[in-house]
């Protein structure tokens, strides 16, 4: 019985399989796309040229993925030990089995990996993609939603999309957080408001007996901005400099 190991990184049980890639640059670019998303296991089925300096050049630092890549003669060899394999295609196939979106495909692969089983994301040749026979060997078929008038994706671009979806399915899509600074207090904002009113009057920008709606709108602006302490200090400094210039002119 296979136990669910939630402590392990499920991406470590996901391999990318490239079937008969013809251009070594695409192999290198795919390795780069993989490593950027935390995938490191690459299998190459009968590549036309590998290893190759162009693959290394296009990997741009992800050469560890290339160095560890398995080169095999058939898709069956590449899928040895795999329980969940997803073949990617942009063309509808008459005899395709389960067809899912790239996002759902990633969820399937990661769910299998979380359960301690091996998963594979399978991509075909640059010119024609996976054959019907290749797709029949996969447990699911995935498609990446693209422009119907131009559905063709570069091999490495397709790998990047699939790798991204796998990372989101595994790690979530939380963004990094910008640092938060101390917010201004109510009384600090009130003093800013009062200072602005005095300066506007001195500038003759505001008539004290006919204020109209300038100051209420300014108060709304301050509230909507969510001012920080440093920002209030900056604005007070600007107003103070304006006050000095007004005094000099007088």
Protein backbone atom coordinates (compact mmCIF):
# COMPACT_ATOMS: atom_id res chain seq x y z
CA UNK A 1 0.00 0.00 0.00
CA UNK A 2 1.39 3.41 -1.01
CA UNK A 3 1.11 5.98 1.76
CA UNK A 4 0.38 9.61 1.03
CA UNK A 5 3.55 11.59 1.74
CA UNK A 6 2.40 15.20 2.04
CA UNK A 7 5.80 16.29 3.31
CA UNK A 8 7.57 15.53 0.02
CA UNK A 9 7.60 18.02 -2.84
CA UNK A 10 5.20 16.55 -5.43
CA UNK A 11 7.09 18.30 -8.24
CA UNK A 12 9.92 15.85 -7.58
CA UNK A 13 7.66 13.07 -8.89
CA UNK A 14 6.70 14.87 -12.11
CA UNK A 15 8.81 14.28 -15.21
CA UNK A 16 8.66 16.06 -18.55
CA UNK A 17 8.92 13.84 -21.62
CA UNK A 18 9.85 15.27 -25.01
CA UNK A 19 9.18 12.85 -27.85
CA UNK A 20 11.58 13.10 -30.81
CA UNK A 21 12.53 16.77 -30.40
CA UNK A 22 14.25 17.91 -33.60
CA UNK A 23 15.86 21.16 -32.44
CA UNK A 24 18.30 21.04 -29.50
CA UNK A 25 17.54 24.69 -28.74
CA UNK A 26 14.00 23.69 -27.84
CA UNK A 27 15.35 21.05 -25.48
CA UNK A 28 17.48 23.65 -23.71
CA UNK A 29 14.64 26.18 -23.56
CA UNK A 30 12.34 23.49 -22.16
CA UNK A 31 14.90 22.70 -19.46
CA UNK A 32 14.99 26.37 -18.53
CA UNK A 33 11.18 26.52 -18.40
CA UNK A 34 11.11 23.44 -16.18
CA UNK A 35 13.70 24.58 -13.66
CA UNK A 36 12.07 27.99 -13.35
CA UNK A 37 8.93 26.21 -12.12
CA UNK A 38 10.72 23.67 -9.92
CA UNK A 39 10.69 20.67 -12.26
CA UNK A 40 13.97 18.86 -12.76
CA UNK A 41 13.28 15.44 -14.33
CA UNK A 42 13.54 15.41 -18.12
CA UNK A 43 13.25 12.41 -20.44
CA UNK A 44 14.08 12.64 -24.15
CA UNK A 45 12.71 10.07 -26.57
CA UNK A 46 15.01 9.67 -29.59
CA UNK A 47 16.17 13.31 -29.82
CA UNK A 48 17.75 14.27 -33.13
CA UNK A 49 20.77 15.87 -31.44
CA UNK A 50 21.63 15.56 -27.78
CA UNK A 51 23.78 16.58 -26.04
CA UNK A 52 24.36 19.70 -28.09
CA UNK A 53 25.91 23.12 -27.43
CA UNK A 54 22.71 24.85 -28.62
CA UNK A 55 20.71 23.05 -25.93
CA UNK A 56 23.22 24.19 -23.32
CA UNK A 57 23.12 27.76 -24.61
CA UNK A 58 19.34 27.96 -24.59
CA UNK A 59 19.10 26.39 -21.12
CA UNK A 60 20.59 29.62 -19.71
CA UNK A 61 21.81 28.19 -16.42
CA UNK A 62 19.46 25.20 -16.25
CA UNK A 63 22.18 22.83 -17.43
CA UNK A 64 21.68 20.62 -14.37
CA UNK A 65 18.37 19.53 -15.90
CA UNK A 66 20.13 18.66 -19.16
CA UNK A 67 22.96 16.85 -17.40
CA UNK A 68 20.47 14.63 -15.56
CA UNK A 69 18.18 14.05 -18.57
CA UNK A 70 17.39 10.45 -19.54
CA UNK A 71 17.68 9.61 -23.23
CA UNK A 72 15.55 6.62 -24.27
CA UNK A 73 14.48 5.00 -27.51
CA UNK A 74 10.72 4.85 -26.98
CA UNK A 75 7.87 6.53 -25.15
CA UNK A 76 7.21 3.27 -23.32
CA UNK A 77 10.69 3.49 -21.78
CA UNK A 78 10.16 7.13 -20.84
CA UNK A 79 6.90 6.24 -19.05
CA UNK A 80 8.27 3.34 -17.04
CA UNK A 81 6.99 3.55 -13.46
CA UNK A 82 4.51 6.33 -14.31
CA UNK A 83 0.92 6.08 -13.06
CA UNK A 84 -0.42 9.37 -14.46
CA UNK A 85 0.74 10.55 -17.87
CA UNK A 86 -0.69 13.57 -19.70
CA UNK A 87 -0.14 14.04 -23.42
CA UNK A 88 -0.45 17.59 -24.71
CA UNK A 89 -1.95 18.37 -28.10
CA UNK A 90 -3.51 21.39 -29.77
CA UNK A 91 -5.43 19.33 -32.36
CA UNK A 92 -8.70 17.49 -31.66
CA UNK A 93 -8.23 13.74 -31.99
CA UNK A 94 -11.07 11.39 -32.89
CA UNK A 95 -9.97 8.59 -30.58
CA UNK A 96 -8.67 10.64 -27.66
CA UNK A 97 -9.73 9.36 -24.26
CA UNK A 98 -10.07 11.70 -21.31
CA UNK A 99 -9.45 15.26 -22.53
CA UNK A 100 -8.82 17.96 -19.93
CA UNK A 101 -7.55 21.52 -19.80
CA UNK A 102 -3.91 22.25 -18.99
CA UNK A 103 -4.99 23.38 -15.52
CA UNK A 104 -6.95 20.21 -14.81
CA UNK A 105 -4.11 18.14 -16.24
CA UNK A 106 -1.71 19.70 -13.75
CA UNK A 107 -4.12 18.92 -10.92
CA UNK A 108 -4.25 15.27 -12.02
CA UNK A 109 -0.47 15.00 -12.20
CA UNK A 110 0.10 16.65 -8.84
CA UNK A 111 -2.63 14.60 -7.14
CA UNK A 112 -0.91 11.45 -8.34
CA UNK A 113 2.47 12.76 -7.20
CA UNK A 114 1.10 13.66 -3.78
CA UNK A 115 -0.04 10.06 -3.43
CA UNK A 116 3.55 8.93 -3.96
CA UNK A 117 3.16 7.93 -7.61
CA UNK A 118 5.13 9.11 -10.63
CA UNK A 119 3.55 11.50 -13.16
CA UNK A 120 4.61 12.62 -16.61
CA UNK A 121 3.85 15.58 -18.87
CA UNK A 122 4.37 14.43 -22.45
CA UNK A 123 5.04 16.63 -25.49
CA UNK A 124 5.50 15.74 -29.13
CA UNK A 125 7.64 16.91 -32.01
CA UNK A 126 7.90 20.52 -33.09
CA UNK A 127 6.32 19.84 -36.48
CA UNK A 128 3.41 17.51 -35.77
CA UNK A 129 3.11 17.05 -32.01
CA UNK A 130 2.29 13.70 -30.48
CA UNK A 131 1.00 10.93 -32.73
CA UNK A 132 -2.32 9.23 -32.04
CA UNK A 133 -0.35 6.19 -30.92
CA UNK A 134 1.64 8.34 -28.46
CA UNK A 135 -1.53 9.86 -27.04
CA UNK A 136 -3.08 6.41 -26.67
CA UNK A 137 -0.24 5.54 -24.29
CA UNK A 138 -1.13 8.46 -21.99
CA UNK A 139 -3.76 8.24 -19.28
CA UNK A 140 -5.15 11.69 -20.19
CA UNK A 141 -4.95 14.17 -23.03
CA UNK A 142 -4.54 17.88 -22.30
CA UNK A 143 -4.98 20.95 -24.41
CA UNK A 144 -3.76 24.49 -23.79
CA UNK A 145 -6.44 27.06 -24.64
CA UNK A 146 -5.01 29.20 -27.42
CA UNK A 147 -6.22 31.47 -30.18
CA UNK A 148 -8.26 29.18 -32.50
CA UNK A 149 -6.92 31.10 -35.50
CA UNK A 150 -3.32 30.42 -34.42
CA UNK A 151 -3.16 27.54 -31.99
CA UNK A 152 0.46 26.56 -32.55
CA UNK A 153 2.80 26.93 -29.57
CA UNK A 154 6.55 26.56 -29.61
CA UNK A 155 7.58 23.37 -27.81
CA UNK A 156 9.33 25.19 -24.98
CA UNK A 157 6.39 27.60 -24.64
CA UNK A 158 4.01 24.66 -24.21
CA UNK A 159 6.32 23.14 -21.61
CA UNK A 160 6.41 26.48 -19.79
CA UNK A 161 2.61 26.66 -19.59
CA UNK A 162 2.33 23.08 -18.35
CA UNK A 163 5.17 23.55 -15.85
CA UNK A 164 3.59 26.74 -14.53
CA UNK A 165 0.24 25.02 -14.02
CA UNK A 166 1.99 22.15 -12.24
CA UNK A 167 3.71 24.58 -9.90
CA UNK A 168 0.46 26.40 -9.12
CA UNK A 169 -1.29 23.08 -8.48
CA UNK A 170 1.54 22.09 -6.17
CA UNK A 171 2.55 25.29 -4.42
CA UNK A 172 -0.37 27.69 -4.97
CA UNK A 173 -0.18 31.06 -6.68
CA UNK A 174 0.43 33.42 -3.76
CA UNK A 175 2.43 36.47 -4.82
CA UNK A 176 5.30 37.94 -2.83
CA UNK A 177 4.25 40.68 -0.45
CA UNK A 178 5.59 44.21 -0.61
CA UNK A 179 6.71 45.64 2.76
CA UNK A 180 4.05 47.45 4.71
CA UNK A 181 4.80 50.74 6.47
CA UNK A 182 3.13 52.33 9.46
CA UNK A 183 -0.16 53.98 8.52
CA UNK A 184 -0.79 57.59 9.43
CA UNK A 185 -3.05 58.16 12.41
CA UNK A 186 -6.28 60.11 12.28
CA UNK A 187 -4.78 63.12 14.05
CA UNK A 188 -1.76 63.17 11.67
CA UNK A 189 -4.06 63.24 8.66
CA UNK A 190 -6.18 65.97 10.28
CA UNK A 191 -3.10 68.14 10.82
CA UNK A 192 -2.17 67.56 7.16
CA UNK A 193 -5.67 68.60 6.11
CA UNK A 194 -5.51 71.77 8.24
CA UNK A 195 -2.02 72.60 6.93
CA UNK A 196 -3.18 72.16 3.34
CA UNK A 197 -6.13 74.44 3.92
CA UNK A 198 -3.87 77.20 5.36
CA UNK A 199 -1.44 76.91 2.48
CA UNK A 200 -4.19 76.94 -0.15
CA UNK A 201 -5.60 80.10 1.34
CA UNK A 202 -2.16 81.73 1.38
CA UNK A 203 -1.71 80.73 -2.27
CA UNK A 204 -5.12 82.22 -3.06
CA UNK A 205 -6.07 78.84 -4.41
CA UNK A 206 -8.84 78.59 -1.83
CA UNK A 207 -11.16 81.42 -0.79
CA UNK A 208 -11.80 80.92 2.94
CA UNK A 209 -15.31 82.40 2.73
CA UNK A 210 -16.26 80.34 -0.34
CA UNK A 211 -14.47 77.02 0.14
CA UNK A 212 -16.89 75.15 -2.12
CA UNK A 213 -16.01 71.44 -2.15
CA UNK A 214 -12.23 71.50 -2.41
CA UNK A 215 -11.43 70.54 1.16
CA UNK A 216 -14.10 67.81 1.49
CA UNK A 217 -12.80 66.27 -1.74
CA UNK A 218 -9.24 66.50 -0.48
CA UNK A 219 -10.31 64.72 2.69
CA UNK A 220 -11.85 61.94 0.56
CA UNK A 221 -8.61 61.72 -1.40
CA UNK A 222 -6.57 61.32 1.78
CA UNK A 223 -8.93 58.63 3.06
CA UNK A 224 -8.89 56.70 -0.21
CA UNK A 225 -5.09 56.84 -0.45
CA UNK A 226 -4.54 55.13 2.90
CA UNK A 227 -1.66 57.45 3.72
CA UNK A 228 1.38 56.23 5.61
CA UNK A 229 3.24 58.22 8.24
CA UNK A 230 6.17 58.94 5.91
CA UNK A 231 3.84 60.05 3.15
CA UNK A 232 2.15 62.53 5.49
CA UNK A 233 5.57 63.86 6.46
CA UNK A 234 6.50 64.29 2.78
CA UNK A 235 3.29 66.18 2.02
CA UNK A 236 3.72 68.36 5.11
CA UNK A 237 7.27 69.10 3.97
CA UNK A 238 6.07 70.16 0.52
CA UNK A 239 3.44 72.43 2.07
CA UNK A 240 6.04 73.91 4.43
CA UNK A 241 8.31 74.73 1.49
CA UNK A 242 5.40 76.40 -0.31
CA UNK A 243 4.73 78.41 2.86
CA UNK A 244 8.35 79.61 2.87
CA UNK A 245 8.20 80.73 -0.74
CA UNK A 246 4.97 82.60 -0.10
CA UNK A 247 6.54 84.40 2.86
CA UNK A 248 9.57 85.42 0.78
CA UNK A 249 7.40 86.91 -1.92
CA UNK A 250 5.57 88.94 0.66
